[in-house]
All heavy atoms as atom14 arrays in JSON, in Angstrom:
{
  "sequence": "RRRRLARVVDAFYQHVWATAYRVTGNAADAADIT",
  "atom14_mask": [
    [1, 1, 1, 1, 1, 1, 1, 1, 1, 1, 1, 0, 0, 0],
    [1, 1, 1, 1, 1, 1, 1, 1, 1, 1, 1, 0, 0, 0],
    [1, 1, 1, 1, 1, 1, 1, 1, 1, 1, 1, 0, 0, 0],
    [1, 1, 1, 1, 1, 1, 1, 1, 1, 1, 1, 0, 0, 0],
    [1, 1, 1, 1, 1, 1, 1, 1, 0, 0, 0, 0, 0, 0],
    [1, 1, 1, 1, 1, 0, 0, 0, 0, 0, 0, 0, 0, 0],
    [1, 1, 1, 1, 1, 1, 1, 1, 1, 1, 1, 0, 0, 0],
    [1, 1, 1, 1, 1, 1, 1, 0, 0, 0, 0, 0, 0, 0],
    [1, 1, 1, 1, 1, 1, 1, 0, 0, 0, 0, 0, 0, 0],
    [1, 1, 1, 1, 1, 1, 1, 1, 0, 0, 0, 0, 0, 0],
    [1, 1, 1, 1, 1, 0, 0, 0, 0, 0, 0, 0, 0, 0],
    [1, 1, 1, 1, 1, 1, 1, 1, 1, 1, 1, 0, 0, 0],
    [1, 1, 1, 1, 1, 1, 1, 1, 1, 1, 1, 1, 0, 0],
    [1, 1, 1, 1, 1, 1, 1, 1, 1, 0, 0, 0, 0, 0],
    [1, 1, 1, 1, 1, 1, 1, 1, 1, 1, 0, 0, 0, 0],
    [1, 1, 1, 1, 1, 1, 1, 0, 0, 0, 0, 0, 0, 0],
    [1, 1, 1, 1, 1, 1, 1, 1, 1, 1, 1, 1, 1, 1],
    [1, 1, 1, 1, 1, 0, 0, 0, 0, 0, 0, 0, 0, 0],
    [1, 1, 1, 1, 1, 1, 1, 0, 0, 0, 0, 0, 0, 0],
    [1, 1, 1, 1, 1, 0, 0, 0, 0, 0, 0, 0, 0, 0],
    [1, 1, 1, 1, 1, 1, 1, 1, 1, 1, 1, 1, 0, 0],
    [1, 1, 1, 1, 1, 1, 1, 1, 1, 1, 1, 0, 0, 0],
    [1, 1, 1, 1, 1, 1, 1, 0, 0, 0, 0, 0, 0, 0],
    [1, 1, 1, 1, 1, 1, 1, 0, 0, 0, 0, 0, 0, 0],
    [1, 1, 1, 1, 0, 0, 0, 0, 0, 0, 0, 0, 0, 0],
    [1, 1, 1, 1, 1, 1, 1, 1, 0, 0, 0, 0, 0, 0],
    [1, 1, 1, 1, 1, 0, 0, 0, 0, 0, 0, 0, 0, 0],
    [1, 1, 1, 1, 1, 0, 0, 0, 0, 0, 0, 0, 0, 0],
    [1, 1, 1, 1, 1, 1, 1, 1, 0, 0, 0, 0, 0, 0],
    [1, 1, 1, 1, 1, 0, 0, 0, 0, 0, 0, 0, 0, 0],
    [1, 1, 1, 1, 1, 0, 0, 0, 0, 0, 0, 0, 0, 0],
    [1, 1, 1, 1, 1, 1, 1, 1, 0, 0, 0, 0, 0, 0],
    [1, 1, 1, 1, 1, 1, 1, 1, 0, 0, 0, 0, 0, 0],
    [1, 1, 1, 1, 1, 1, 1, 0, 0, 0, 0, 0, 0, 0]
  ],
  "atom14_positions": [
    [[36.92, -119.2, -48.69], [35.9, -119.41, -49.64], [36.55, -119.96, -50.97], [37.7, -119.65, -51.23], [35.12, -118.14, -49.98], [34.43, -117.44, -48.83], [33.2, -118.27, -48.45], [32.45, -117.71, -47.38], [32.54, -118.05, -46.1], [33.38, -118.95, -45.74], [31.77, -117.48, -45.15], [0.0, 0.0, 0.0], [0.0, 0.0, 0.0], [0.0, 0.0, 0.0]],
    [[35.78, -120.69, -51.71], [36.37, -121.29, -52.91], [36.85, -120.24, -53.91], [37.9, -120.43, -54.5], [35.35, -122.28, -53.56], [35.17, -123.5, -52.76], [34.2, -124.44, -53.38], [33.99, -125.55, -52.47], [33.92, -126.81, -52.79], [34.13, -127.16, -54.04], [33.74, -127.71, -51.86], [0.0, 0.0, 0.0], [0.0, 0.0, 0.0], [0.0, 0.0, 0.0]],
    [[36.15, -119.2, -54.09], [36.56, -118.19, -55.02], [37.86, -117.57, -54.54], [38.73, -117.21, -55.36], [35.52, -117.1, -55.16], [34.29, -117.5, -55.94], [33.4, -116.39, -56.23], [32.24, -116.96, -56.99], [31.1, -116.27, -57.1], [30.97, -115.05, -56.59], [30.11, -116.79, -57.81], [0.0, 0.0, 0.0], [0.0, 0.0, 0.0], [0.0, 0.0, 0.0]],
    [[38.01, -117.33, -53.24], [39.23, -116.75, -52.74], [40.39, -117.74, -52.91], [41.5, -117.37, -53.16], [39.08, -116.37, -51.25], [38.19, -115.18, -51.07], [38.15, -114.69, -49.7], [37.31, -113.52, -49.56], [37.18, -112.88, -48.48], [37.72, -113.19, -47.34], [36.41, -111.79, -48.44], [0.0, 0.0, 0.0], [0.0, 0.0, 0.0], [0.0, 0.0, 0.0]],
    [[40.05, -119.04, -52.76], [41.09, -120.03, -52.99], [41.53, -120.05, -54.43], [42.74, -120.18, -54.72], [40.6, -121.5, -52.62], [41.69, -122.63, -52.85], [42.93, -122.39, -51.93], [41.08, -123.9, -52.58], [0.0, 0.0, 0.0], [0.0, 0.0, 0.0], [0.0, 0.0, 0.0], [0.0, 0.0, 0.0], [0.0, 0.0, 0.0], [0.0, 0.0, 0.0]],
    [[40.64, -119.86, -55.35], [40.96, -119.76, -56.78], [42.01, -118.63, -57.0], [42.94, -118.78, -57.81], [39.74, -119.55, -57.64], [0.0, 0.0, 0.0], [0.0, 0.0, 0.0], [0.0, 0.0, 0.0], [0.0, 0.0, 0.0], [0.0, 0.0, 0.0], [0.0, 0.0, 0.0], [0.0, 0.0, 0.0], [0.0, 0.0, 0.0], [0.0, 0.0, 0.0]],
    [[41.74, -117.49, -56.34], [42.75, -116.41, -56.37], [44.11, -116.76, -55.82], [45.14, -116.39, -56.42], [42.14, -115.19, -55.7], [40.93, -114.54, -56.43], [40.46, -113.31, -55.79], [39.21, -112.98, -56.29], [38.06, -112.97, -55.5], [38.13, -113.24, -54.26], [36.97, -112.67, -56.1], [0.0, 0.0, 0.0], [0.0, 0.0, 0.0], [0.0, 0.0, 0.0]],
    [[44.1, -117.54, -54.69], [45.32, -117.98, -54.14], [46.07, -118.89, -55.11], [47.25, -118.8, -55.29], [45.05, -118.69, -52.79], [46.31, -119.45, -52.29], [44.56, -117.72, -51.72], [0.0, 0.0, 0.0], [0.0, 0.0, 0.0], [0.0, 0.0, 0.0], [0.0, 0.0, 0.0], [0.0, 0.0, 0.0], [0.0, 0.0, 0.0], [0.0, 0.0, 0.0]],
    [[45.32, -119.83, -55.73], [45.96, -120.73, -56.74], [46.52, -119.92, -57.86], [47.66, -120.2, -58.27], [44.88, -121.78, -57.23], [45.46, -122.52, -58.35], [44.42, -122.69, -56.1], [0.0, 0.0, 0.0], [0.0, 0.0, 0.0], [0.0, 0.0, 0.0], [0.0, 0.0, 0.0], [0.0, 0.0, 0.0], [0.0, 0.0, 0.0], [0.0, 0.0, 0.0]],
    [[45.81, -118.93, -58.32], [46.32, -118.0, -59.45], [47.61, -117.37, -59.01], [48.58, -117.3, -59.76], [45.32, -117.03, -59.9], [44.19, -117.63, -60.74], [44.3, -118.74, -61.15], [43.07, -116.95, -60.76], [0.0, 0.0, 0.0], [0.0, 0.0, 0.0], [0.0, 0.0, 0.0], [0.0, 0.0, 0.0], [0.0, 0.0, 0.0], [0.0, 0.0, 0.0]],
    [[47.62, -116.88, -57.77], [48.77, -116.1, -57.3], [49.99, -116.97, -56.93], [51.14, -116.56, -57.13], [48.35, -115.3, -56.06], [0.0, 0.0, 0.0], [0.0, 0.0, 0.0], [0.0, 0.0, 0.0], [0.0, 0.0, 0.0], [0.0, 0.0, 0.0], [0.0, 0.0, 0.0], [0.0, 0.0, 0.0], [0.0, 0.0, 0.0], [0.0, 0.0, 0.0]],
    [[49.78, -118.21, -56.53], [50.89, -119.02, -55.96], [51.21, -120.33, -56.74], [52.1, -121.07, -56.34], [50.61, -119.38, -54.53], [50.74, -118.15, -53.6], [49.62, -117.46, -53.22], [52.03, -117.72, -53.17], [49.76, -116.36, -52.4], [52.11, -116.7, -52.33], [51.03, -115.91, -52.01], [0.0, 0.0, 0.0], [0.0, 0.0, 0.0], [0.0, 0.0, 0.0]],
    [[50.46, -120.6, -57.76], [50.61, -121.88, -58.47], [52.06, -122.06, -58.92], [52.66, -123.11, -58.74], [49.65, -122.0, -59.65], [49.82, -123.28, -60.43], [49.16, -124.43, -60.0], [50.65, -123.39, -61.51], [49.39, -125.65, -60.65], [50.85, -124.56, -62.21], [50.25, -125.68, -61.74], [50.43, -126.93, -62.37], [0.0, 0.0, 0.0], [0.0, 0.0, 0.0]],
    [[52.6, -121.08, -59.63], [53.95, -121.2, -60.18], [54.99, -121.41, -59.06], [55.83, -122.19, -59.22], [54.29, -119.91, -60.99], [53.61, -119.9, -62.32], [53.93, -121.08, -63.23], [55.05, -121.57, -63.27], [52.99, -121.57, -63.99], [0.0, 0.0, 0.0], [0.0, 0.0, 0.0], [0.0, 0.0, 0.0], [0.0, 0.0, 0.0], [0.0, 0.0, 0.0]],
    [[54.8, -120.7, -57.95], [55.71, -120.84, -56.85], [55.73, -122.29, -56.24], [56.72, -122.85, -56.04], [55.33, -119.77, -55.74], [56.03, -120.04, -54.46], [57.42, -119.94, -54.28], [55.54, -120.54, -53.22], [57.7, -120.22, -53.0], [56.62, -120.62, -52.39], [0.0, 0.0, 0.0], [0.0, 0.0, 0.0], [0.0, 0.0, 0.0], [0.0, 0.0, 0.0]],
    [[54.45, -122.78, -56.05], [54.31, -124.08, -55.49], [54.84, -125.22, -56.43], [55.56, -126.07, -56.02], [52.85, -124.35, -55.08], [52.62, -125.85, -54.76], [52.35, -123.43, -53.98], [0.0, 0.0, 0.0], [0.0, 0.0, 0.0], [0.0, 0.0, 0.0], [0.0, 0.0, 0.0], [0.0, 0.0, 0.0], [0.0, 0.0, 0.0], [0.0, 0.0, 0.0]],
    [[54.49, -125.04, -57.69], [54.91, -126.07, -58.67], [56.47, -126.05, -58.84], [57.09, -127.1, -58.83], [54.24, -125.9, -60.05], [54.51, -127.03, -60.96], [53.78, -128.09, -61.11], [55.65, -127.21, -61.8], [54.33, -128.96, -62.0], [55.48, -128.42, -62.45], [56.78, -126.4, -62.14], [56.42, -128.93, -63.38], [57.71, -126.91, -63.06], [57.5, -128.17, -63.69]],
    [[57.0, -124.86, -58.95], [58.44, -124.73, -59.08], [59.2, -125.3, -57.86], [60.19, -125.98, -58.0], [58.9, -123.31, -59.32], [0.0, 0.0, 0.0], [0.0, 0.0, 0.0], [0.0, 0.0, 0.0], [0.0, 0.0, 0.0], [0.0, 0.0, 0.0], [0.0, 0.0, 0.0], [0.0, 0.0, 0.0], [0.0, 0.0, 0.0], [0.0, 0.0, 0.0]],
    [[58.67, -125.08, -56.66], [59.26, -125.59, -55.45], [59.18, -127.11, -55.42], [60.19, -127.82, -55.16], [58.6, -125.01, -54.25], [58.61, -123.57, -54.22], [59.16, -125.48, -52.92], [0.0, 0.0, 0.0], [0.0, 0.0, 0.0], [0.0, 0.0, 0.0], [0.0, 0.0, 0.0], [0.0, 0.0, 0.0], [0.0, 0.0, 0.0], [0.0, 0.0, 0.0]],
    [[58.02, -127.65, -55.83], [57.81, -129.07, -55.85], [58.74, -129.71, -56.91], [59.32, -130.8, -56.67], [56.38, -129.4, -56.16], [0.0, 0.0, 0.0], [0.0, 0.0, 0.0], [0.0, 0.0, 0.0], [0.0, 0.0, 0.0], [0.0, 0.0, 0.0], [0.0, 0.0, 0.0], [0.0, 0.0, 0.0], [0.0, 0.0, 0.0], [0.0, 0.0, 0.0]],
    [[58.94, -129.02, -57.97], [59.81, -129.63, -59.02], [61.27, -129.59, -58.54], [62.0, -130.55, -58.81], [59.74, -128.81, -60.33], [60.42, -129.46, -61.48], [59.94, -130.53, -62.12], [61.66, -128.86, -61.86], [60.66, -131.13, -63.18], [62.38, -129.49, -62.92], [61.89, -130.58, -63.54], [62.59, -131.21, -64.58], [0.0, 0.0, 0.0], [0.0, 0.0, 0.0]],
    [[61.66, -128.55, -57.91], [63.03, -128.46, -57.37], [63.24, -129.54, -56.36], [64.29, -130.18, -56.29], [63.38, -127.11, -56.76], [63.66, -126.04, -57.77], [64.28, -124.81, -57.13], [63.45, -124.21, -56.1], [62.47, -123.38, -56.36], [62.15, -122.98, -57.56], [61.71, -122.85, -55.39], [0.0, 0.0, 0.0], [0.0, 0.0, 0.0], [0.0, 0.0, 0.0]],
    [[62.25, -129.84, -55.54], [62.38, -130.88, -54.43], [62.36, -132.28, -55.05], [63.19, -133.12, -54.63], [61.32, -130.68, -53.43], [61.27, -131.86, -52.45], [61.47, -129.41, -52.67], [0.0, 0.0, 0.0], [0.0, 0.0, 0.0], [0.0, 0.0, 0.0], [0.0, 0.0, 0.0], [0.0, 0.0, 0.0], [0.0, 0.0, 0.0], [0.0, 0.0, 0.0]],
    [[61.55, -132.49, -56.02], [61.33, -133.9, -56.52], [62.15, -134.12, -57.76], [62.51, -135.32, -58.02], [59.9, -134.17, -56.83], [59.42, -133.35, -57.91], [59.01, -134.05, -55.6], [0.0, 0.0, 0.0], [0.0, 0.0, 0.0], [0.0, 0.0, 0.0], [0.0, 0.0, 0.0], [0.0, 0.0, 0.0], [0.0, 0.0, 0.0], [0.0, 0.0, 0.0]],
    [[62.33, -133.1, -58.61], [63.05, -133.31, -59.88], [62.17, -134.0, -60.95], [62.71, -134.51, -61.95], [0.0, 0.0, 0.0], [0.0, 0.0, 0.0], [0.0, 0.0, 0.0], [0.0, 0.0, 0.0], [0.0, 0.0, 0.0], [0.0, 0.0, 0.0], [0.0, 0.0, 0.0], [0.0, 0.0, 0.0], [0.0, 0.0, 0.0], [0.0, 0.0, 0.0]],
    [[60.87, -134.08, -60.68], [59.98, -134.84, -61.58], [58.75, -134.03, -61.73], [58.06, -133.64, -60.78], [59.67, -136.19, -60.81], [58.75, -137.05, -61.6], [57.82, -136.59, -62.25], [59.02, -138.35, -61.54], [0.0, 0.0, 0.0], [0.0, 0.0, 0.0], [0.0, 0.0, 0.0], [0.0, 0.0, 0.0], [0.0, 0.0, 0.0], [0.0, 0.0, 0.0]],
    [[58.39, -133.75, -63.0], [57.19, -132.86, -63.28], [55.86, -133.6, -62.78], [55.01, -132.82, -62.32], [57.13, -132.59, -64.75], [0.0, 0.0, 0.0], [0.0, 0.0, 0.0], [0.0, 0.0, 0.0], [0.0, 0.0, 0.0], [0.0, 0.0, 0.0], [0.0, 0.0, 0.0], [0.0, 0.0, 0.0], [0.0, 0.0, 0.0], [0.0, 0.0, 0.0]],
    [[55.76, -134.85, -62.91], [54.5, -135.57, -62.58], [54.33, -135.44, -61.04], [53.27, -135.19, -60.53], [54.56, -136.98, -63.05], [0.0, 0.0, 0.0], [0.0, 0.0, 0.0], [0.0, 0.0, 0.0], [0.0, 0.0, 0.0], [0.0, 0.0, 0.0], [0.0, 0.0, 0.0], [0.0, 0.0, 0.0], [0.0, 0.0, 0.0], [0.0, 0.0, 0.0]],
    [[55.4, -135.72, -60.31], [55.36, -135.65, -58.83], [55.1, -134.18, -58.42], [54.33, -133.97, -57.45], [56.66, -136.18, -58.19], [56.79, -137.7, -58.34], [55.72, -138.35, -58.6], [57.89, -138.13, -58.1], [0.0, 0.0, 0.0], [0.0, 0.0, 0.0], [0.0, 0.0, 0.0], [0.0, 0.0, 0.0], [0.0, 0.0, 0.0], [0.0, 0.0, 0.0]],
    [[55.69, -133.24, -59.13], [55.51, -131.82, -58.8], [54.03, -131.43, -58.96], [53.49, -130.77, -58.12], [56.36, -130.93, -59.62], [0.0, 0.0, 0.0], [0.0, 0.0, 0.0], [0.0, 0.0, 0.0], [0.0, 0.0, 0.0], [0.0, 0.0, 0.0], [0.0, 0.0, 0.0], [0.0, 0.0, 0.0], [0.0, 0.0, 0.0], [0.0, 0.0, 0.0]],
    [[53.44, -131.96, -60.03], [52.04, -131.63, -60.26], [51.13, -132.31, -59.2], [50.23, -131.59, -58.71], [51.58, -132.16, -61.64], [0.0, 0.0, 0.0], [0.0, 0.0, 0.0], [0.0, 0.0, 0.0], [0.0, 0.0, 0.0], [0.0, 0.0, 0.0], [0.0, 0.0, 0.0], [0.0, 0.0, 0.0], [0.0, 0.0, 0.0], [0.0, 0.0, 0.0]],
    [[51.42, -133.51, -58.83], [50.65, -134.2, -57.77], [50.79, -133.41, -56.41], [49.82, -133.21, -55.71], [51.11, -135.64, -57.58], [50.7, -136.51, -58.72], [49.85, -136.16, -59.52], [51.33, -137.6, -58.8], [0.0, 0.0, 0.0], [0.0, 0.0, 0.0], [0.0, 0.0, 0.0], [0.0, 0.0, 0.0], [0.0, 0.0, 0.0], [0.0, 0.0, 0.0]],
    [[52.01, -133.04, -56.11], [52.21, -132.32, -54.86], [51.54, -130.96, -54.86], [50.89, -130.56, -53.88], [53.72, -132.16, -54.59], [54.29, -133.58, -54.24], [54.06, -131.18, -53.52], [55.83, -133.55, -54.18], [0.0, 0.0, 0.0], [0.0, 0.0, 0.0], [0.0, 0.0, 0.0], [0.0, 0.0, 0.0], [0.0, 0.0, 0.0], [0.0, 0.0, 0.0]],
    [[51.58, -130.29, -56.0], [50.95, -128.96, -56.13], [49.42, -129.13, -55.9], [48.8, -128.37, -55.12], [51.21, -128.41, -57.51], [52.57, -128.19, -57.65], [50.47, -127.03, -57.68], [0.0, 0.0, 0.0], [0.0, 0.0, 0.0], [0.0, 0.0, 0.0], [0.0, 0.0, 0.0], [0.0, 0.0, 0.0], [0.0, 0.0, 0.0], [0.0, 0.0, 0.0]]
  ]
}
């Protein structure tokens, strides 16, 4: 459900963005990937 996904995003956003940033080395690409 969308509300549950919002909770997932709240819980895992930093993890996903940080992982994407480590992989790409680029904040814009990390944001797109997230």
